[in-house]
Amino acid sequence: MASTTALLLLLLLTISSSLHLPTVSSFEFQVGEIEGWVVPHSNATTLYYNHWASEKRFLIGDSLRFRYKKDSVMVVDEVDYKKCNSTHPIFFSNTGNTVYQLDESGPYYFISGVAEHCHKGQKMIVKVMTPEASSSRGGATPSSASASSAATLSLEASKLLLFQFVLSSVAAYNLF
């Protein structure tokens, strides 16, 4: 009887603690996917990276991983972005494997530190959403965001039902 009580209490604690787990709040994006941070191919549009970024939903706390060889990545202001000017970067890295943390909402302007590469399209604007606008992620459409919300609600309802079942089982066996 004591072991049953202990087991049920352990189950109760496990379930109740899982009800309050926060959701994952950050994601690391691989810039350029498999190819990485490279000069776009000659047949690619000069907006190659902006097209890639426009299909994503970036949130505060997310990060970007830039993988590259014999190059660099810089964060610059909008004016320097448009001119591919690398003389006054806000951030600079040439390690070949750079992770940049997106710590506030708004636009971020990334360019290659090699001006020739930047002029050939190795640059990107990332727009980080405000917390209020970040109800979905990863290019989700409103319908898929609704489906995701419904699935989350269903999971939470299942947890509550399980919690209620455990409580009623404990009460039925007069374990308290």
C-alpha atoms as a PDB file:
ATOM      1  CA  MET A   1       0.000   0.000   0.000  1.00  0.00           C
ATOM      2  CA  ALA A   2       2.817   2.413   0.870  1.00  0.00           C
ATOM      3  CA  SER A   3       4.619   1.636  -2.383  1.00  0.00           C
ATOM      4  CA  THR A   4       1.397   2.278  -4.348  1.00  0.00           C
ATOM      5  CA  THR A   5       0.993   5.616  -2.577  1.00  0.00           C
ATOM      6  CA  ALA A   6       4.591   6.584  -3.322  1.00  0.00           C
ATOM      7  CA  LEU A   7       4.219   5.561  -6.963  1.00  0.00           C
ATOM      8  CA  LEU A   8       1.022   7.542  -7.399  1.00  0.00           C
ATOM      9  CA  LEU A   9       2.558  10.582  -5.711  1.00  0.00           C
ATOM     10  CA  LEU A  10       5.569  10.351  -8.014  1.00  0.00           C
ATOM     11  CA  LEU A  11       3.272  10.118 -11.035  1.00  0.00           C
ATOM     12  CA  LEU A  12       1.237  13.067  -9.743  1.00  0.00           C
ATOM     13  CA  LEU A  13       4.350  15.207  -9.299  1.00  0.00           C
ATOM     14  CA  THR A  14       5.662  14.262 -12.742  1.00  0.00           C
ATOM     15  CA  ILE A  15       2.410  15.189 -14.446  1.00  0.00           C
ATOM     16  CA  SER A  16       1.945  18.426 -12.519  1.00  0.00           C
ATOM     17  CA  SER A  17       5.482  19.564 -13.295  1.00  0.00           C
ATOM     18  CA  SER A  18       4.993  18.836 -17.001  1.00  0.00           C
ATOM     19  CA  LEU A  19       1.932  21.085 -17.083  1.00  0.00           C
ATOM     20  CA  HIS A  20       4.128  24.120 -16.501  1.00  0.00           C
ATOM     21  CA  LEU A  21       7.006  23.408 -18.871  1.00  0.00           C
ATOM     22  CA  PRO A  22       7.757  26.383 -21.101  1.00  0.00           C
ATOM     23  CA  THR A  23       7.823  25.891 -24.843  1.00  0.00           C
ATOM     24  CA  VAL A  24      11.078  26.096 -26.769  1.00  0.00           C
ATOM     25  CA  SER A  25      11.710  29.786 -27.233  1.00  0.00           C
ATOM     26  CA  SER A  26      14.662  29.856 -29.579  1.00  0.00           C
ATOM     27  CA  PHE A  27      15.864  28.235 -32.759  1.00  0.00           C
ATOM     28  CA  GLU A  28      19.163  28.183 -34.631  1.00  0.00           C
ATOM     29  CA  PHE A  29      18.842  28.773 -38.381  1.00  0.00           C
ATOM     30  CA  GLN A  30      21.562  27.579 -40.779  1.00  0.00           C
ATOM     31  CA  VAL A  31      21.988  30.495 -43.220  1.00  0.00           C
ATOM     32  CA  GLY A  32      21.924  29.201 -46.776  1.00  0.00           C
ATOM     33  CA  GLU A  33      20.976  25.728 -45.561  1.00  0.00           C
ATOM     34  CA  ILE A  34      23.449  23.099 -46.893  1.00  0.00           C
ATOM     35  CA  GLU A  35      25.478  25.506 -49.048  1.00  0.00           C
ATOM     36  CA  GLY A  36      26.041  27.954 -46.221  1.00  0.00           C
ATOM     37  CA  TRP A  37      27.121  31.599 -46.496  1.00  0.00           C
ATOM     38  CA  VAL A  38      28.555  31.715 -50.025  1.00  0.00           C
ATOM     39  CA  VAL A  39      28.406  33.951 -53.067  1.00  0.00           C
ATOM     40  CA  PRO A  40      25.156  33.036 -54.831  1.00  0.00           C
ATOM     41  CA  HIS A  41      25.551  31.114 -58.098  1.00  0.00           C
ATOM     42  CA  SER A  42      25.581  33.251 -61.224  1.00  0.00           C
ATOM     43  CA  ASN A  43      22.138  31.929 -62.226  1.00  0.00           C
ATOM     44  CA  ALA A  44      20.663  32.790 -58.815  1.00  0.00           C
ATOM     45  CA  THR A  45      18.915  36.058 -58.141  1.00  0.00           C
ATOM     46  CA  THR A  46      20.850  38.763 -56.287  1.00  0.00           C
ATOM     47  CA  LEU A  47      18.126  38.491 -53.645  1.00  0.00           C
ATOM     48  CA  TYR A  48      19.016  34.842 -52.908  1.00  0.00           C
ATOM     49  CA  TYR A  49      19.504  35.243 -49.147  1.00  0.00           C
ATOM     50  CA  ASN A  50      16.619  37.678 -48.755  1.00  0.00           C
ATOM     51  CA  HIS A  51      14.355  35.105 -50.391  1.00  0.00           C
ATOM     52  CA  TRP A  52      15.652  32.469 -47.949  1.00  0.00           C
ATOM     53  CA  ALA A  53      15.081  34.809 -44.970  1.00  0.00           C
ATOM     54  CA  SER A  54      11.590  35.816 -46.125  1.00  0.00           C
ATOM     55  CA  GLU A  55      10.455  32.188 -45.782  1.00  0.00           C
ATOM     56  CA  LYS A  56      11.402  32.116 -42.082  1.00  0.00           C
ATOM     57  CA  ARG A  57       9.874  33.551 -38.923  1.00  0.00           C
ATOM     58  CA  PHE A  58      12.665  34.921 -36.730  1.00  0.00           C
ATOM     59  CA  LEU A  59      11.986  35.561 -33.055  1.00  0.00           C
ATOM     60  CA  ILE A  60      13.940  37.268 -30.296  1.00  0.00           C
ATOM     61  CA  GLY A  61      16.371  34.698 -28.915  1.00  0.00           C
ATOM     62  CA  ASP A  62      16.824  32.860 -32.207  1.00  0.00           C
ATOM     63  CA  SER A  63      20.285  32.663 -33.730  1.00  0.00           C
ATOM     64  CA  LEU A  64      21.797  32.445 -37.194  1.00  0.00           C
ATOM     65  CA  ARG A  65      24.680  30.111 -37.990  1.00  0.00           C
ATOM     66  CA  PHE A  66      26.887  31.250 -40.858  1.00  0.00           C
ATOM     67  CA  ARG A  67      29.251  28.604 -42.280  1.00  0.00           C
ATOM     68  CA  TYR A  68      31.767  29.846 -44.835  1.00  0.00           C
ATOM     69  CA  LYS A  69      35.336  29.607 -46.113  1.00  0.00           C
ATOM     70  CA  LYS A  70      37.720  32.506 -46.832  1.00  0.00           C
ATOM     71  CA  ASP A  71      35.031  35.089 -46.162  1.00  0.00           C
ATOM     72  CA  SER A  72      33.376  36.936 -43.293  1.00  0.00           C
ATOM     73  CA  VAL A  73      29.992  38.057 -42.060  1.00  0.00           C
ATOM     74  CA  MET A  74      29.119  41.534 -40.853  1.00  0.00           C
ATOM     75  CA  VAL A  75      26.129  43.257 -39.377  1.00  0.00           C
ATOM     76  CA  VAL A  76      25.823  46.794 -40.721  1.00  0.00           C
ATOM     77  CA  ASP A  77      23.221  49.547 -40.798  1.00  0.00           C
ATOM     78  CA  GLU A  78      20.750  49.951 -43.662  1.00  0.00           C
ATOM     79  CA  VAL A  79      22.811  52.566 -45.518  1.00  0.00           C
ATOM     80  CA  ASP A  80      25.962  50.420 -45.475  1.00  0.00           C
ATOM     81  CA  TYR A  81      23.888  47.390 -46.484  1.00  0.00           C
ATOM     82  CA  LYS A  82      22.613  49.133 -49.617  1.00  0.00           C
ATOM     83  CA  LYS A  83      26.144  50.260 -50.558  1.00  0.00           C
ATOM     84  CA  CYS A  84      27.911  47.034 -49.497  1.00  0.00           C
ATOM     85  CA  ASN A  85      30.086  49.221 -47.297  1.00  0.00           C
ATOM     86  CA  SER A  86      32.083  47.150 -44.810  1.00  0.00           C
ATOM     87  CA  THR A  87      34.110  49.942 -43.205  1.00  0.00           C
ATOM     88  CA  HIS A  88      31.888  50.468 -40.115  1.00  0.00           C
ATOM     89  CA  PRO A  89      30.438  47.111 -39.067  1.00  0.00           C
ATOM     90  CA  ILE A  90      28.292  46.759 -35.986  1.00  0.00           C
ATOM     91  CA  PHE A  91      29.495  43.148 -35.783  1.00  0.00           C
ATOM     92  CA  PHE A  92      32.288  41.294 -37.613  1.00  0.00           C
ATOM     93  CA  SER A  93      33.392  37.663 -37.683  1.00  0.00           C
ATOM     94  CA  ASN A  94      35.669  35.664 -39.963  1.00  0.00           C
ATOM     95  CA  THR A  95      35.888  32.376 -38.046  1.00  0.00           C
ATOM     96  CA  GLY A  96      34.163  30.311 -40.735  1.00  0.00           C
ATOM     97  CA  ASN A  97      31.485  29.211 -38.283  1.00  0.00           C
ATOM     98  CA  THR A  98      29.733  32.230 -36.817  1.00  0.00           C
ATOM     99  CA  VAL A  99      26.633  32.163 -34.633  1.00  0.00           C
ATOM    100  CA  TYR A 100      24.831  35.486 -34.329  1.00  0.00           C
ATOM    101  CA  GLN A 101      22.153  35.900 -31.632  1.00  0.00           C
ATOM    102  CA  LEU A 102      19.037  37.888 -32.586  1.00  0.00           C
ATOM    103  CA  ASP A 103      18.408  39.740 -29.329  1.00  0.00           C
ATOM    104  CA  GLU A 104      15.818  42.341 -30.321  1.00  0.00           C
ATOM    105  CA  SER A 105      13.009  42.803 -32.815  1.00  0.00           C
ATOM    106  CA  GLY A 106      13.448  44.707 -36.045  1.00  0.00           C
ATOM    107  CA  PRO A 107      15.644  44.403 -39.130  1.00  0.00           C
ATOM    108  CA  TYR A 108      19.224  43.085 -39.139  1.00  0.00           C
ATOM    109  CA  TYR A 109      21.447  43.794 -42.148  1.00  0.00           C
ATOM    110  CA  PHE A 110      24.099  41.173 -42.944  1.00  0.00           C
ATOM    111  CA  ILE A 111      26.771  41.465 -45.630  1.00  0.00           C
ATOM    112  CA  SER A 112      29.897  39.629 -46.651  1.00  0.00           C
ATOM    113  CA  GLY A 113      33.019  41.507 -45.610  1.00  0.00           C
ATOM    114  CA  VAL A 114      34.327  41.004 -49.143  1.00  0.00           C
ATOM    115  CA  ALA A 115      32.763  43.874 -51.111  1.00  0.00           C
ATOM    116  CA  GLU A 116      32.866  41.911 -54.373  1.00  0.00           C
ATOM    117  CA  HIS A 117      30.867  39.094 -52.752  1.00  0.00           C
ATOM    118  CA  CYS A 118      28.333  41.520 -51.318  1.00  0.00           C
ATOM    119  CA  HIS A 119      27.807  43.154 -54.733  1.00  0.00           C
ATOM    120  CA  LYS A 120      27.165  39.673 -56.177  1.00  0.00           C
ATOM    121  CA  GLY A 121      24.340  39.116 -53.686  1.00  0.00           C
ATOM    122  CA  GLN A 122      25.975  37.764 -50.540  1.00  0.00           C
ATOM    123  CA  LYS A 123      23.894  39.925 -48.254  1.00  0.00           C
ATOM    124  CA  MET A 124      20.673  39.509 -46.354  1.00  0.00           C
ATOM    125  CA  ILE A 125      18.027  41.324 -44.357  1.00  0.00           C
ATOM    126  CA  VAL A 126      16.526  39.413 -41.440  1.00  0.00           C
ATOM    127  CA  LYS A 127      13.383  40.765 -39.832  1.00  0.00           C
ATOM    128  CA  VAL A 128      12.903  39.677 -36.225  1.00  0.00           C
ATOM    129  CA  MET A 129       9.288  39.674 -35.174  1.00  0.00           C
ATOM    130  CA  THR A 130       7.953  41.370 -32.081  1.00  0.00           C
ATOM    131  CA  PRO A 131       6.705  38.992 -29.378  1.00  0.00           C
ATOM    132  CA  GLU A 132       3.092  39.974 -30.160  1.00  0.00           C
ATOM    133  CA  ALA A 133       3.466  39.015 -33.841  1.00  0.00           C
ATOM    134  CA  SER A 134       5.264  35.731 -33.223  1.00  0.00           C
ATOM    135  CA  SER A 135       2.365  33.313 -32.845  1.00  0.00           C
ATOM    136  CA  SER A 136       3.740  30.986 -35.536  1.00  0.00           C
ATOM    137  CA  ARG A 137       7.160  30.004 -36.840  1.00  0.00           C
ATOM    138  CA  GLY A 138       8.974  28.854 -39.948  1.00  0.00           C
ATOM    139  CA  GLY A 139       6.862  30.263 -42.760  1.00  0.00           C
ATOM    140  CA  ALA A 140       3.667  28.946 -41.251  1.00  0.00           C
ATOM    141  CA  THR A 141       0.467  30.040 -42.889  1.00  0.00           C
ATOM    142  CA  PRO A 142      -2.473  31.191 -40.770  1.00  0.00           C
ATOM    143  CA  SER A 143      -4.192  27.818 -41.283  1.00  0.00           C
ATOM    144  CA  SER A 144      -1.130  25.828 -40.192  1.00  0.00           C
ATOM    145  CA  ALA A 145      -0.659  28.192 -37.244  1.00  0.00           C
ATOM    146  CA  SER A 146      -4.287  27.478 -36.259  1.00  0.00           C
ATOM    147  CA  ALA A 147      -3.671  23.751 -36.587  1.00  0.00           C
ATOM    148  CA  SER A 148      -0.571  24.089 -34.432  1.00  0.00           C
ATOM    149  CA  SER A 149      -2.520  26.028 -31.802  1.00  0.00           C
ATOM    150  CA  ALA A 150      -5.269  23.396 -31.865  1.00  0.00           C
ATOM    151  CA  ALA A 151      -2.691  20.617 -31.421  1.00  0.00           C
ATOM    152  CA  THR A 152      -1.137  22.480 -28.488  1.00  0.00           C
ATOM    153  CA  LEU A 153      -4.554  22.950 -26.884  1.00  0.00           C
ATOM    154  CA  SER A 154      -5.329  19.272 -27.450  1.00  0.00           C
ATOM    155  CA  LEU A 155      -2.046  18.257 -25.793  1.00  0.00           C
ATOM    156  CA  GLU A 156      -2.711  20.535 -22.816  1.00  0.00           C
ATOM    157  CA  ALA A 157      -6.260  19.147 -22.502  1.00  0.00           C
ATOM    158  CA  SER A 158      -4.843  15.612 -22.538  1.00  0.00           C
ATOM    159  CA  LYS A 159      -2.413  16.507 -19.764  1.00  0.00           C
ATOM    160  CA  LEU A 160      -5.227  17.971 -17.683  1.00  0.00           C
ATOM    161  CA  LEU A 161      -7.376  14.874 -18.192  1.00  0.00           C
ATOM    162  CA  LEU A 162      -4.485  12.640 -17.151  1.00  0.00           C
ATOM    163  CA  PHE A 163      -3.875  14.824 -14.097  1.00  0.00           C
ATOM    164  CA  GLN A 164      -7.574  14.632 -13.201  1.00  0.00           C
ATOM    165  CA  PHE A 165      -7.506  10.834 -13.627  1.00  0.00           C
ATOM    166  CA  VAL A 166      -4.545  10.484 -11.275  1.00  0.00           C
ATOM    167  CA  LEU A 167      -6.219  12.694  -8.674  1.00  0.00           C
ATOM    168  CA  SER A 168      -9.454  10.715  -8.874  1.00  0.00           C
ATOM    169  CA  SER A 169      -7.494   7.447  -8.605  1.00  0.00           C
ATOM    170  CA  VAL A 170      -5.716   8.704  -5.516  1.00  0.00           C
ATOM    171  CA  ALA A 171      -9.038   9.813  -4.005  1.00  0.00           C
ATOM    172  CA  ALA A 172     -10.710   6.499  -4.893  1.00  0.00           C
ATOM    173  CA  TYR A 173      -8.059   4.560  -3.009  1.00  0.00           C
ATOM    174  CA  ASN A 174      -8.217   6.980  -0.050  1.00  0.00           C
ATOM    175  CA  LEU A 175      -4.474   7.422  -0.159  1.00  0.00           C
ATOM    176  CA  PHE A 176      -4.524  10.834   1.504  1.00  0.00           C
END
